[in-house]
């Protein structure tokens, strides 16, 4: 049996919940980007976003954009989503994904069921410019009795 060398859980914050955040609009920004390869050998752009304020501040969401794919409709959809992100952060002709990092935008988040497991997960369904008039907190109903996946 492995020795834990005197580990004391009293001095360590427990791992946060990875339950999906409620559907709604959130101020977020791209904090990381990486080119990855799918199991079928297709390259895609993976973006990591972080919620900036409100109850879900610090929560992460991910977007995968299939910019290199044999299906032209898949590429068209990915390019349209990338264009929406670029317009939301005000960088219309990025030369590198790092130019999209650390720029606040408003994202619309939905809750959907995964096709493979049926588990509930978040999906970003829209991007918009963050304006000064927009709230600093998430805009999902705080005391709604409707489950997040039905909003």
N, C-alpha and C. Protein backbone atom coordinates (compact mmCIF):
# COMPACT_ATOMS: atom_id res chain seq x y z
N UNK A 1 0.83 -1.18 0.00
CA UNK A 1 0.00 0.00 0.00
C UNK A 1 0.88 1.24 0.00
N UNK A 2 0.57 2.26 -0.82
CA UNK A 2 1.39 3.47 -0.87
C UNK A 2 1.36 4.25 0.43
N UNK A 3 2.50 4.79 0.81
CA UNK A 3 2.62 5.61 2.01
C UNK A 3 2.28 7.05 1.65
N UNK A 4 1.41 7.72 2.42
CA UNK A 4 1.01 9.10 2.15
C UNK A 4 1.86 10.12 2.88
N UNK A 5 2.91 9.67 3.53
CA UNK A 5 3.89 10.55 4.16
C UNK A 5 3.27 11.64 5.02
N UNK A 6 2.33 11.28 5.88
CA UNK A 6 1.76 12.25 6.82
C UNK A 6 0.80 13.24 6.20
N UNK A 7 0.16 12.92 5.08
CA UNK A 7 -0.79 13.83 4.45
C UNK A 7 -1.87 14.23 5.44
N UNK A 8 -2.21 15.53 5.48
CA UNK A 8 -3.25 16.05 6.38
C UNK A 8 -4.26 16.83 5.55
N UNK A 9 -5.45 16.28 5.38
CA UNK A 9 -6.51 16.91 4.58
C UNK A 9 -7.00 18.21 5.20
N UNK A 10 -6.69 18.45 6.46
CA UNK A 10 -7.13 19.69 7.12
C UNK A 10 -6.49 20.93 6.49
N UNK A 11 -5.34 20.79 5.89
CA UNK A 11 -4.65 21.95 5.33
C UNK A 11 -4.81 22.09 3.82
N UNK A 12 -5.74 21.34 3.22
CA UNK A 12 -5.91 21.37 1.78
C UNK A 12 -7.38 21.62 1.45
N UNK A 13 -7.61 22.56 0.52
CA UNK A 13 -8.98 22.82 0.06
C UNK A 13 -9.45 21.61 -0.76
N UNK A 14 -10.67 21.14 -0.50
CA UNK A 14 -11.19 20.03 -1.31
C UNK A 14 -11.37 20.44 -2.77
N UNK A 15 -11.36 19.47 -3.64
CA UNK A 15 -11.56 19.72 -5.06
C UNK A 15 -12.95 20.31 -5.27
N UNK A 16 -13.07 21.36 -6.12
CA UNK A 16 -14.39 21.96 -6.34
C UNK A 16 -15.28 21.03 -7.16
N UNK A 17 -16.57 21.30 -7.13
CA UNK A 17 -17.54 20.54 -7.90
C UNK A 17 -17.35 20.80 -9.39
N UNK A 18 -17.55 19.79 -10.17
CA UNK A 18 -17.48 19.95 -11.61
C UNK A 18 -18.87 19.83 -12.23
N UNK A 19 -19.90 20.06 -11.43
CA UNK A 19 -21.25 20.08 -11.96
C UNK A 19 -21.36 21.24 -12.94
N UNK A 20 -22.17 21.09 -13.99
CA UNK A 20 -22.33 22.20 -14.93
C UNK A 20 -22.89 23.44 -14.23
N UNK A 21 -22.49 24.60 -14.72
CA UNK A 21 -23.06 25.84 -14.20
C UNK A 21 -24.43 26.03 -14.84
N UNK A 22 -25.33 26.77 -14.21
CA UNK A 22 -26.66 26.96 -14.79
C UNK A 22 -26.60 27.69 -16.12
N UNK A 23 -27.58 27.41 -16.97
CA UNK A 23 -27.70 28.12 -18.24
C UNK A 23 -27.86 29.60 -17.94
N UNK A 24 -27.27 30.42 -18.77
CA UNK A 24 -27.37 31.87 -18.59
C UNK A 24 -26.26 32.58 -19.32
N UNK A 25 -26.14 33.86 -19.04
CA UNK A 25 -25.09 34.67 -19.65
C UNK A 25 -24.05 34.99 -18.59
N UNK A 26 -22.78 34.90 -19.00
CA UNK A 26 -21.66 35.10 -18.09
C UNK A 26 -20.60 35.95 -18.78
N UNK A 27 -19.90 36.77 -17.99
CA UNK A 27 -18.73 37.46 -18.49
C UNK A 27 -17.56 36.48 -18.33
N UNK A 28 -16.85 36.25 -19.43
CA UNK A 28 -15.76 35.27 -19.42
C UNK A 28 -14.67 35.74 -20.38
N UNK A 29 -13.54 35.04 -20.34
CA UNK A 29 -12.46 35.33 -21.29
C UNK A 29 -11.71 34.04 -21.61
N UNK A 30 -11.08 34.04 -22.77
CA UNK A 30 -10.21 32.93 -23.16
C UNK A 30 -8.93 33.06 -22.33
N UNK A 31 -8.56 32.00 -21.64
CA UNK A 31 -7.35 32.03 -20.81
C UNK A 31 -6.25 31.09 -21.34
N UNK A 32 -6.62 30.20 -22.26
CA UNK A 32 -5.63 29.29 -22.84
C UNK A 32 -6.15 28.80 -24.18
N UNK A 33 -5.21 28.47 -25.05
CA UNK A 33 -5.58 27.90 -26.35
C UNK A 33 -4.50 26.91 -26.76
N UNK A 34 -4.93 25.89 -27.49
CA UNK A 34 -3.99 24.85 -27.86
C UNK A 34 -4.50 24.13 -29.11
N UNK A 35 -3.60 23.79 -30.00
CA UNK A 35 -3.96 22.95 -31.13
C UNK A 35 -3.82 21.50 -30.68
N UNK A 36 -4.87 20.72 -30.91
CA UNK A 36 -4.87 19.32 -30.52
C UNK A 36 -5.22 18.47 -31.73
N UNK A 37 -5.05 17.17 -31.59
CA UNK A 37 -5.38 16.23 -32.65
C UNK A 37 -6.40 15.24 -32.12
N UNK A 38 -7.47 15.04 -32.89
CA UNK A 38 -8.53 14.11 -32.49
C UNK A 38 -8.05 12.67 -32.65
N UNK A 39 -8.83 11.74 -32.13
CA UNK A 39 -8.48 10.33 -32.25
C UNK A 39 -8.47 9.87 -33.70
N UNK A 40 -9.15 10.62 -34.58
CA UNK A 40 -9.18 10.28 -36.01
C UNK A 40 -8.11 11.03 -36.80
N UNK A 41 -7.25 11.78 -36.09
CA UNK A 41 -6.14 12.46 -36.74
C UNK A 41 -6.43 13.86 -37.26
N UNK A 42 -7.59 14.42 -36.93
CA UNK A 42 -7.94 15.77 -37.37
C UNK A 42 -7.50 16.79 -36.33
N UNK A 43 -6.89 17.87 -36.78
CA UNK A 43 -6.46 18.91 -35.86
C UNK A 43 -7.64 19.81 -35.51
N UNK A 44 -7.66 20.27 -34.25
CA UNK A 44 -8.69 21.20 -33.84
C UNK A 44 -8.11 22.19 -32.84
N UNK A 45 -8.77 23.33 -32.73
CA UNK A 45 -8.36 24.37 -31.79
C UNK A 45 -9.18 24.22 -30.52
N UNK A 46 -8.52 24.08 -29.40
CA UNK A 46 -9.18 23.97 -28.11
C UNK A 46 -8.97 25.28 -27.35
N UNK A 47 -10.08 25.92 -26.95
CA UNK A 47 -10.03 27.16 -26.18
C UNK A 47 -10.57 26.90 -24.78
N UNK A 48 -9.85 27.40 -23.78
CA UNK A 48 -10.29 27.31 -22.39
C UNK A 48 -10.76 28.69 -21.98
N UNK A 49 -12.01 28.79 -21.50
CA UNK A 49 -12.57 30.05 -21.04
C UNK A 49 -12.78 30.00 -19.54
N UNK A 50 -12.71 31.15 -18.91
CA UNK A 50 -12.91 31.25 -17.46
C UNK A 50 -13.96 32.32 -17.18
N UNK A 51 -14.93 31.98 -16.33
CA UNK A 51 -15.94 32.94 -15.90
C UNK A 51 -15.25 33.95 -14.99
N UNK A 52 -15.52 35.24 -15.21
CA UNK A 52 -14.79 36.29 -14.52
C UNK A 52 -15.42 36.81 -13.24
N UNK A 53 -16.72 36.66 -13.06
CA UNK A 53 -17.34 37.22 -11.87
C UNK A 53 -18.62 36.47 -11.52
N UNK A 54 -19.23 36.92 -10.44
CA UNK A 54 -20.46 36.29 -10.00
C UNK A 54 -20.21 35.02 -9.21
N UNK A 55 -21.26 34.31 -8.97
CA UNK A 55 -21.22 33.08 -8.17
C UNK A 55 -20.30 32.02 -8.77
N UNK A 56 -20.15 32.02 -10.08
CA UNK A 56 -19.35 30.98 -10.75
C UNK A 56 -17.98 31.48 -11.20
N UNK A 57 -17.52 32.56 -10.59
CA UNK A 57 -16.20 33.11 -10.90
C UNK A 57 -15.14 32.01 -10.78
N UNK A 58 -14.29 31.95 -11.79
CA UNK A 58 -13.21 30.96 -11.78
C UNK A 58 -13.55 29.65 -12.46
N UNK A 59 -14.82 29.40 -12.73
CA UNK A 59 -15.20 28.15 -13.40
C UNK A 59 -14.71 28.17 -14.84
N UNK A 60 -14.36 27.01 -15.33
CA UNK A 60 -13.79 26.85 -16.67
C UNK A 60 -14.81 26.21 -17.60
N UNK A 61 -14.75 26.64 -18.86
CA UNK A 61 -15.54 26.06 -19.93
C UNK A 61 -14.60 25.87 -21.12
N UNK A 62 -14.88 24.90 -21.97
CA UNK A 62 -14.00 24.62 -23.10
C UNK A 62 -14.79 24.61 -24.40
N UNK A 63 -14.12 25.04 -25.45
CA UNK A 63 -14.69 25.06 -26.79
C UNK A 63 -13.67 24.40 -27.72
N UNK A 64 -14.11 23.46 -28.52
CA UNK A 64 -13.25 22.84 -29.53
C UNK A 64 -13.75 23.24 -30.90
N UNK A 65 -12.86 23.80 -31.70
CA UNK A 65 -13.20 24.27 -33.03
C UNK A 65 -12.48 23.44 -34.07
N UNK A 66 -13.24 22.71 -34.87
CA UNK A 66 -12.69 21.82 -35.90
C UNK A 66 -12.38 22.61 -37.16
N UNK A 67 -11.27 23.33 -37.14
CA UNK A 67 -10.88 24.16 -38.27
C UNK A 67 -10.22 23.36 -39.38
N UNK A 68 -9.84 22.12 -39.10
CA UNK A 68 -9.24 21.21 -40.07
C UNK A 68 -10.01 19.90 -39.99
N UNK A 69 -10.93 19.70 -40.95
CA UNK A 69 -11.81 18.53 -40.89
C UNK A 69 -12.23 18.17 -42.31
N UNK A 70 -12.42 16.89 -42.61
CA UNK A 70 -12.82 16.51 -43.97
C UNK A 70 -14.24 16.97 -44.35
N UNK A 71 -15.08 17.21 -43.36
CA UNK A 71 -16.44 17.67 -43.64
C UNK A 71 -16.45 19.20 -43.72
N UNK A 72 -16.71 19.76 -44.91
CA UNK A 72 -16.68 21.22 -45.05
C UNK A 72 -17.71 21.94 -44.17
N UNK A 73 -18.82 21.30 -43.87
CA UNK A 73 -19.84 21.93 -43.01
C UNK A 73 -19.32 22.07 -41.57
N UNK A 74 -18.55 21.10 -41.13
CA UNK A 74 -17.94 21.15 -39.80
C UNK A 74 -16.97 22.31 -39.72
N UNK A 75 -16.16 22.49 -40.75
CA UNK A 75 -15.20 23.59 -40.80
C UNK A 75 -15.93 24.93 -40.87
N UNK A 76 -16.97 24.99 -41.67
CA UNK A 76 -17.77 26.22 -41.80
C UNK A 76 -18.34 26.64 -40.44
N UNK A 77 -18.90 25.69 -39.70
CA UNK A 77 -19.46 25.98 -38.39
C UNK A 77 -18.36 26.44 -37.42
N UNK A 78 -17.20 25.78 -37.44
CA UNK A 78 -16.10 26.15 -36.55
C UNK A 78 -15.59 27.55 -36.87
N UNK A 79 -15.47 27.87 -38.15
CA UNK A 79 -15.01 29.20 -38.55
C UNK A 79 -16.02 30.28 -38.14
N UNK A 80 -17.29 29.97 -38.24
CA UNK A 80 -18.34 30.92 -37.82
C UNK A 80 -18.26 31.17 -36.31
N UNK A 81 -18.02 30.11 -35.54
CA UNK A 81 -17.90 30.27 -34.09
C UNK A 81 -16.64 31.06 -33.73
N UNK A 82 -15.54 30.80 -34.42
CA UNK A 82 -14.32 31.57 -34.20
C UNK A 82 -14.54 33.04 -34.55
N UNK A 83 -15.27 33.31 -35.63
CA UNK A 83 -15.57 34.69 -36.00
C UNK A 83 -16.40 35.38 -34.91
N UNK A 84 -17.34 34.67 -34.33
CA UNK A 84 -18.16 35.23 -33.26
C UNK A 84 -17.29 35.59 -32.05
N UNK A 85 -16.33 34.72 -31.72
CA UNK A 85 -15.41 34.99 -30.61
C UNK A 85 -14.56 36.22 -30.93
N UNK A 86 -14.02 36.27 -32.13
CA UNK A 86 -13.17 37.40 -32.54
C UNK A 86 -13.95 38.72 -32.46
N UNK A 87 -15.17 38.72 -32.93
CA UNK A 87 -15.98 39.94 -32.88
C UNK A 87 -16.33 40.31 -31.44
N UNK A 88 -16.57 39.32 -30.60
CA UNK A 88 -16.92 39.58 -29.20
C UNK A 88 -15.77 40.22 -28.43
N UNK A 89 -14.54 39.86 -28.77
CA UNK A 89 -13.38 40.42 -28.07
C UNK A 89 -12.73 41.57 -28.83
N UNK A 90 -13.21 41.85 -30.05
CA UNK A 90 -12.70 42.99 -30.81
C UNK A 90 -11.38 42.76 -31.52
N UNK A 91 -11.06 41.51 -31.81
CA UNK A 91 -9.83 41.18 -32.55
C UNK A 91 -10.28 40.48 -33.83
N UNK A 92 -10.41 41.26 -34.90
CA UNK A 92 -11.03 40.73 -36.11
C UNK A 92 -10.08 39.95 -37.02
N UNK A 93 -8.77 40.20 -36.91
CA UNK A 93 -7.80 39.50 -37.76
C UNK A 93 -6.65 38.96 -36.91
N UNK A 94 -6.93 38.01 -36.02
CA UNK A 94 -5.83 37.50 -35.18
C UNK A 94 -4.83 36.69 -36.00
N UNK A 95 -3.56 36.89 -35.68
CA UNK A 95 -2.49 36.11 -36.31
C UNK A 95 -2.15 34.89 -35.46
N UNK A 96 -2.51 34.95 -34.18
CA UNK A 96 -2.21 33.89 -33.23
C UNK A 96 -3.33 33.86 -32.20
N UNK A 97 -3.66 32.69 -31.70
CA UNK A 97 -4.76 32.58 -30.73
C UNK A 97 -4.49 33.34 -29.45
N UNK A 98 -3.23 33.59 -29.12
CA UNK A 98 -2.91 34.32 -27.89
C UNK A 98 -3.51 35.74 -27.94
N UNK A 99 -3.76 36.27 -29.13
CA UNK A 99 -4.37 37.58 -29.25
C UNK A 99 -5.82 37.60 -28.76
N UNK A 100 -6.42 36.43 -28.59
CA UNK A 100 -7.79 36.33 -28.10
C UNK A 100 -7.85 36.15 -26.58
N UNK A 101 -6.69 35.97 -25.97
CA UNK A 101 -6.62 35.71 -24.53
C UNK A 101 -6.87 36.98 -23.71
N UNK A 102 -7.45 36.77 -22.53
CA UNK A 102 -7.60 37.80 -21.49
C UNK A 102 -8.42 39.01 -21.92
N UNK A 103 -9.35 38.81 -22.84
CA UNK A 103 -10.24 39.88 -23.28
C UNK A 103 -11.67 39.49 -22.91
N UNK A 104 -12.32 40.26 -22.03
CA UNK A 104 -13.66 39.88 -21.56
C UNK A 104 -14.70 39.93 -22.68
N UNK A 105 -15.64 39.00 -22.60
CA UNK A 105 -16.78 38.95 -23.51
C UNK A 105 -17.95 38.35 -22.77
N UNK A 106 -19.11 38.45 -23.35
CA UNK A 106 -20.32 37.86 -22.77
C UNK A 106 -20.58 36.55 -23.50
N UNK A 107 -20.73 35.46 -22.74
CA UNK A 107 -21.02 34.17 -23.36
C UNK A 107 -22.40 33.71 -22.91
N UNK A 108 -23.09 33.02 -23.79
CA UNK A 108 -24.38 32.40 -23.47
C UNK A 108 -24.14 30.92 -23.31
N UNK A 109 -24.46 30.41 -22.13
CA UNK A 109 -24.19 29.01 -21.80
C UNK A 109 -25.51 28.25 -21.71
N UNK A 110 -25.52 27.07 -22.28
CA UNK A 110 -26.66 26.15 -22.21
C UNK A 110 -26.22 24.88 -21.51
N UNK A 111 -27.18 24.12 -21.04
CA UNK A 111 -26.92 22.80 -20.48
C UNK A 111 -27.49 21.77 -21.45
N UNK A 112 -26.66 20.81 -21.85
CA UNK A 112 -27.09 19.77 -22.79
C UNK A 112 -26.62 18.42 -22.27
N UNK A 113 -27.23 17.37 -22.78
CA UNK A 113 -26.82 16.02 -22.43
C UNK A 113 -25.77 15.52 -23.42
N UNK A 114 -24.71 14.91 -22.88
CA UNK A 114 -23.68 14.33 -23.74
C UNK A 114 -24.29 13.20 -24.56
N UNK A 115 -23.85 13.08 -25.81
CA UNK A 115 -24.37 12.02 -26.68
C UNK A 115 -23.91 10.64 -26.22
N UNK A 116 -22.67 10.56 -25.70
CA UNK A 116 -22.11 9.26 -25.35
C UNK A 116 -22.55 8.74 -23.99
N UNK A 117 -22.69 9.62 -22.99
CA UNK A 117 -23.00 9.15 -21.64
C UNK A 117 -24.34 9.65 -21.12
N UNK A 118 -24.91 10.66 -21.78
CA UNK A 118 -26.17 11.23 -21.30
C UNK A 118 -25.98 12.21 -20.16
N UNK A 119 -24.73 12.36 -19.66
CA UNK A 119 -24.46 13.29 -18.56
C UNK A 119 -24.70 14.72 -19.00
N UNK A 120 -25.12 15.55 -18.06
CA UNK A 120 -25.34 16.96 -18.32
C UNK A 120 -24.00 17.67 -18.42
N UNK A 121 -23.87 18.55 -19.43
CA UNK A 121 -22.64 19.32 -19.60
C UNK A 121 -22.99 20.70 -20.13
N UNK A 122 -22.06 21.63 -19.98
CA UNK A 122 -22.25 22.98 -20.50
C UNK A 122 -21.80 23.05 -21.94
N UNK A 123 -22.47 23.91 -22.69
CA UNK A 123 -22.09 24.20 -24.06
C UNK A 123 -22.28 25.70 -24.27
N UNK A 124 -21.27 26.34 -24.83
CA UNK A 124 -21.40 27.76 -25.12
C UNK A 124 -22.15 27.89 -26.44
N UNK A 125 -23.23 28.66 -26.40
CA UNK A 125 -24.10 28.79 -27.57
C UNK A 125 -24.06 30.17 -28.20
N UNK A 126 -23.31 31.10 -27.61
CA UNK A 126 -23.23 32.42 -28.20
C UNK A 126 -22.16 33.27 -27.55
N UNK A 127 -21.70 34.27 -28.29
CA UNK A 127 -20.66 35.18 -27.85
C UNK A 127 -21.09 36.59 -28.21
N UNK A 128 -20.84 37.55 -27.32
CA UNK A 128 -21.18 38.95 -27.60
C UNK A 128 -20.17 39.84 -26.90
N UNK A 129 -20.11 41.09 -27.36
CA UNK A 129 -19.23 42.05 -26.70
C UNK A 129 -19.76 42.34 -25.30
N UNK A 130 -18.85 42.48 -24.37
CA UNK A 130 -19.21 42.90 -23.02
C UNK A 130 -19.30 44.41 -23.04
N UNK A 131 -20.41 44.94 -22.57
CA UNK A 131 -20.57 46.38 -22.50
C UNK A 131 -20.58 46.82 -21.05
N UNK A 132 -20.31 48.09 -20.81
CA UNK A 132 -20.26 48.62 -19.45
C UNK A 132 -21.60 48.49 -18.75
N UNK A 133 -22.69 48.47 -19.51
CA UNK A 133 -24.03 48.40 -18.90
C UNK A 133 -24.37 47.00 -18.42
N UNK A 134 -23.61 46.01 -18.85
CA UNK A 134 -23.93 44.64 -18.45
C UNK A 134 -23.53 44.37 -17.01
N UNK A 135 -24.31 43.55 -16.37
CA UNK A 135 -24.10 43.22 -14.97
C UNK A 135 -22.74 42.55 -14.76
N UNK A 136 -22.19 42.75 -13.59
CA UNK A 136 -20.93 42.11 -13.22
C UNK A 136 -21.15 40.69 -12.73
N UNK A 137 -22.39 40.24 -12.66
CA UNK A 137 -22.67 38.90 -12.16
C UNK A 137 -23.35 38.07 -13.22
N UNK A 138 -23.35 36.78 -13.00
CA UNK A 138 -24.02 35.89 -13.95
C UNK A 138 -25.50 36.19 -13.96
N UNK A 139 -26.15 35.97 -15.10
CA UNK A 139 -27.52 36.39 -15.26
C UNK A 139 -28.51 35.24 -15.28
N UNK A 140 -28.12 34.07 -14.84
CA UNK A 140 -29.06 32.97 -14.71
C UNK A 140 -29.91 33.24 -13.48
N UNK A 141 -31.19 32.86 -13.49
CA UNK A 141 -32.02 33.11 -12.32
C UNK A 141 -31.47 32.42 -11.08
N UNK A 142 -31.18 33.19 -10.06
CA UNK A 142 -30.52 32.65 -8.86
C UNK A 142 -31.44 31.73 -8.07
N UNK A 143 -32.72 32.02 -8.01
CA UNK A 143 -33.61 31.20 -7.18
C UNK A 143 -34.69 30.52 -8.01
N UNK A 144 -34.38 30.22 -9.26
CA UNK A 144 -35.33 29.54 -10.13
C UNK A 144 -35.51 28.10 -9.68
N UNK A 145 -36.73 27.60 -9.79
CA UNK A 145 -36.98 26.20 -9.44
C UNK A 145 -36.86 25.30 -10.66
N UNK A 146 -36.64 25.89 -11.83
CA UNK A 146 -36.45 25.12 -13.05
C UNK A 146 -35.03 24.56 -13.07
N UNK A 147 -34.88 23.24 -13.28
CA UNK A 147 -33.53 22.67 -13.34
C UNK A 147 -32.73 23.32 -14.46
N UNK A 148 -31.40 23.42 -14.30
CA UNK A 148 -30.56 24.11 -15.28
C UNK A 148 -30.70 23.55 -16.70
N UNK A 149 -30.91 22.25 -16.84
CA UNK A 149 -30.97 21.66 -18.17
C UNK A 149 -32.29 21.95 -18.89
N UNK A 150 -33.25 22.56 -18.19
CA UNK A 150 -34.52 22.90 -18.83
C UNK A 150 -34.66 24.39 -19.08
N UNK A 151 -33.67 25.18 -18.69
CA UNK A 151 -33.73 26.64 -18.89
C UNK A 151 -33.38 27.00 -20.29
